[in-house]
Each structure stands twice: as C-alpha cells, then as structure tokens.
Amino acid sequence: MSVKAFFCKLIPPRPTFAHDMSEAEAKLMQEHAVYWRGRMEEGQVVTFGLVADPKGSYGIGIVEVETDADVQALTMTDPTIRANLGFTFEVYSMPRGAVHR
C-alpha cells in the first residue's frame, strides 16, 4: 500500500505562546511532544518540532500515512487539540513529497 505525505502546522492560541506559556500549558506541550514521539516510533511521523518564526512560533510535523482520514486522526487526537484551548491544525498534502530514510 502506498503512503501519502502531509505537512501539519500546529497554530498556538496566541502568537506569543512559545514565550509566555503558563505552567499548565508547558505541561500540555510536554504531553504533545510525547504524543508525536510515539507516532514517530510507529513510523507515521518523519519529523516534528517548533518553528521560531519571528511573526509567531508554531509547530510542524511531516507525516506519512495511507489516507487523509489517518492524518486527520493524528491531528485530532493530539493532546493540544483535545484540550480545547484554542490550538488548531492546518494540514496540507505534499503530492510530490520525498523522504530519505
């Protein structure tokens, strides 16, 4: 079965989030990192991390899954989304994506 590549962008609830998160938000971000590391170990995630954009930091993940539903399931079960604190994901297909492993 073939896999599809996707670019996932996690947008925090405010542009200053990376610099002024509360203790509870920092704990949530630790849970978020554990979640994505687990998906990486399962082979679904190629890379993920924080992008230090001067206009406002955000998170990214490059994933390889079989269906669009799979990428939606990955993002919707992220602890940041389940916490319902204003995080959102933008997900884009990478039709010509290539990964060297």
C-alpha atoms as a PDB file:
ATOM      1  CA  MET A   1       0.000   0.000   0.000  1.00  0.00           C
ATOM      2  CA  SER A   2       1.303   3.475  -0.817  1.00  0.00           C
ATOM      3  CA  VAL A   3       1.646   6.300   1.675  1.00  0.00           C
ATOM      4  CA  LYS A   4       0.855   9.970   1.347  1.00  0.00           C
ATOM      5  CA  ALA A   5       2.958  12.775   2.816  1.00  0.00           C
ATOM      6  CA  PHE A   6       1.403  15.695   4.691  1.00  0.00           C
ATOM      7  CA  PHE A   7       2.647  18.948   6.235  1.00  0.00           C
ATOM      8  CA  CYS A   8       0.867  19.614   9.536  1.00  0.00           C
ATOM      9  CA  LYS A   9       1.090  23.078  11.079  1.00  0.00           C
ATOM     10  CA  LEU A  10       0.031  23.491  14.722  1.00  0.00           C
ATOM     11  CA  ILE A  11      -1.061  27.045  15.388  1.00  0.00           C
ATOM     12  CA  PRO A  12      -0.992  28.025  19.074  1.00  0.00           C
ATOM     13  CA  PRO A  13      -3.745  30.068  20.720  1.00  0.00           C
ATOM     14  CA  ARG A  14      -1.650  33.269  20.578  1.00  0.00           C
ATOM     15  CA  PRO A  15       1.488  34.433  18.714  1.00  0.00           C
ATOM     16  CA  THR A  16       3.445  34.853  21.961  1.00  0.00           C
ATOM     17  CA  PHE A  17       2.643  31.354  23.230  1.00  0.00           C
ATOM     18  CA  ALA A  18       6.199  29.964  22.991  1.00  0.00           C
ATOM     19  CA  HIS A  19       7.449  32.814  25.199  1.00  0.00           C
ATOM     20  CA  ASP A  20       4.679  33.223  27.758  1.00  0.00           C
ATOM     21  CA  MET A  21       3.016  29.847  28.244  1.00  0.00           C
ATOM     22  CA  SER A  22       1.741  29.039  31.705  1.00  0.00           C
ATOM     23  CA  GLU A  23       2.874  26.059  33.763  1.00  0.00           C
ATOM     24  CA  ALA A  24      -0.251  24.142  32.721  1.00  0.00           C
ATOM     25  CA  GLU A  25       0.406  24.983  29.059  1.00  0.00           C
ATOM     26  CA  ALA A  26       4.030  23.845  29.388  1.00  0.00           C
ATOM     27  CA  LYS A  27       2.798  20.518  30.768  1.00  0.00           C
ATOM     28  CA  LEU A  28       0.387  20.235  27.832  1.00  0.00           C
ATOM     29  CA  MET A  29       3.270  20.849  25.415  1.00  0.00           C
ATOM     30  CA  GLN A  30       5.232  18.028  27.070  1.00  0.00           C
ATOM     31  CA  GLU A  31       2.239  15.720  26.506  1.00  0.00           C
ATOM     32  CA  HIS A  32       2.100  16.940  22.897  1.00  0.00           C
ATOM     33  CA  ALA A  33       5.792  16.073  22.367  1.00  0.00           C
ATOM     34  CA  VAL A  34       5.346  12.613  23.901  1.00  0.00           C
ATOM     35  CA  TYR A  35       2.357  12.023  21.618  1.00  0.00           C
ATOM     36  CA  TRP A  36       4.294  12.943  18.439  1.00  0.00           C
ATOM     37  CA  ARG A  37       7.384  10.960  19.517  1.00  0.00           C
ATOM     38  CA  GLY A  38       5.132   7.938  19.862  1.00  0.00           C
ATOM     39  CA  ARG A  39       3.752   8.445  16.347  1.00  0.00           C
ATOM     40  CA  MET A  40       7.356   8.797  15.134  1.00  0.00           C
ATOM     41  CA  GLU A  41       8.273   5.468  16.718  1.00  0.00           C
ATOM     42  CA  GLU A  42       5.265   3.929  14.930  1.00  0.00           C
ATOM     43  CA  GLY A  43       6.656   5.196  11.616  1.00  0.00           C
ATOM     44  CA  GLN A  44       3.913   7.730  10.860  1.00  0.00           C
ATOM     45  CA  VAL A  45       5.953  10.878  11.589  1.00  0.00           C
ATOM     46  CA  VAL A  46       9.092  11.811   9.678  1.00  0.00           C
ATOM     47  CA  THR A  47       9.894  14.913  11.747  1.00  0.00           C
ATOM     48  CA  PHE A  48       8.198  17.401  14.045  1.00  0.00           C
ATOM     49  CA  GLY A  49       9.184  20.447  16.036  1.00  0.00           C
ATOM     50  CA  LEU A  50       8.895  24.127  16.791  1.00  0.00           C
ATOM     51  CA  VAL A  51       9.449  26.741  14.083  1.00  0.00           C
ATOM     52  CA  ALA A  52      10.808  30.001  15.530  1.00  0.00           C
ATOM     53  CA  ASP A  53       9.032  32.323  13.110  1.00  0.00           C
ATOM     54  CA  PRO A  54       9.617  35.966  14.159  1.00  0.00           C
ATOM     55  CA  LYS A  55       5.913  36.655  13.442  1.00  0.00           C
ATOM     56  CA  GLY A  56       4.886  33.943  15.902  1.00  0.00           C
ATOM     57  CA  SER A  57       6.200  30.456  16.577  1.00  0.00           C
ATOM     58  CA  TYR A  58       4.257  27.370  15.538  1.00  0.00           C
ATOM     59  CA  GLY A  59       4.764  23.645  15.391  1.00  0.00           C
ATOM     60  CA  ILE A  60       5.165  21.457  12.328  1.00  0.00           C
ATOM     61  CA  GLY A  61       5.041  17.789  11.586  1.00  0.00           C
ATOM     62  CA  ILE A  62       5.735  15.920   8.378  1.00  0.00           C
ATOM     63  CA  VAL A  63       3.752  12.704   8.367  1.00  0.00           C
ATOM     64  CA  GLU A  64       3.430   9.726   6.057  1.00  0.00           C
ATOM     65  CA  VAL A  65       0.145   7.847   6.298  1.00  0.00           C
ATOM     66  CA  GLU A  66      -2.068   5.829   3.975  1.00  0.00           C
ATOM     67  CA  THR A  67      -5.197   8.003   3.911  1.00  0.00           C
ATOM     68  CA  ASP A  68      -6.448  11.523   4.513  1.00  0.00           C
ATOM     69  CA  ALA A  69      -8.503  10.103   7.387  1.00  0.00           C
ATOM     70  CA  ASP A  70      -5.284   8.858   9.018  1.00  0.00           C
ATOM     71  CA  VAL A  71      -3.735  12.332   9.108  1.00  0.00           C
ATOM     72  CA  GLN A  72      -6.977  13.785  10.455  1.00  0.00           C
ATOM     73  CA  ALA A  73      -6.983  11.142  13.198  1.00  0.00           C
ATOM     74  CA  LEU A  74      -3.372  12.024  14.107  1.00  0.00           C
ATOM     75  CA  THR A  75      -4.085  15.725  14.443  1.00  0.00           C
ATOM     76  CA  MET A  76      -7.472  15.415  16.138  1.00  0.00           C
ATOM     77  CA  THR A  77      -6.108  13.149  18.878  1.00  0.00           C
ATOM     78  CA  ASP A  78      -3.158  15.450  19.644  1.00  0.00           C
ATOM     79  CA  PRO A  79      -3.396  16.483  23.320  1.00  0.00           C
ATOM     80  CA  THR A  80      -3.320  20.176  22.353  1.00  0.00           C
ATOM     81  CA  ILE A  81      -6.467  19.779  20.253  1.00  0.00           C
ATOM     82  CA  ARG A  82      -8.223  17.575  22.793  1.00  0.00           C
ATOM     83  CA  ALA A  83      -7.527  20.200  25.495  1.00  0.00           C
ATOM     84  CA  ASN A  84      -9.738  22.652  23.563  1.00  0.00           C
ATOM     85  CA  LEU A  85      -7.580  25.672  24.460  1.00  0.00           C
ATOM     86  CA  GLY A  86      -7.517  27.358  21.051  1.00  0.00           C
ATOM     87  CA  PHE A  87      -4.875  25.318  19.203  1.00  0.00           C
ATOM     88  CA  THR A  88      -5.635  24.491  15.574  1.00  0.00           C
ATOM     89  CA  PHE A  89      -4.001  22.452  12.853  1.00  0.00           C
ATOM     90  CA  GLU A  90      -3.623  23.305   9.194  1.00  0.00           C
ATOM     91  CA  VAL A  91      -2.933  20.177   7.140  1.00  0.00           C
ATOM     92  CA  TYR A  92      -1.586  20.235   3.585  1.00  0.00           C
ATOM     93  CA  SER A  93      -0.993  17.355   1.208  1.00  0.00           C
ATOM     94  CA  MET A  94       2.533  17.041  -0.201  1.00  0.00           C
ATOM     95  CA  PRO A  95       1.815  15.335  -3.541  1.00  0.00           C
ATOM     96  CA  ARG A  96       5.461  15.402  -4.597  1.00  0.00           C
ATOM     97  CA  GLY A  97       6.956  14.886  -1.156  1.00  0.00           C
ATOM     98  CA  ALA A  98      10.008  12.643  -0.917  1.00  0.00           C
ATOM     99  CA  VAL A  99      11.695  11.359   2.201  1.00  0.00           C
ATOM    100  CA  HIS A 100      15.153   9.857   2.517  1.00  0.00           C
ATOM    101  CA  ARG A 101      15.228   7.182   5.203  1.00  0.00           C
END
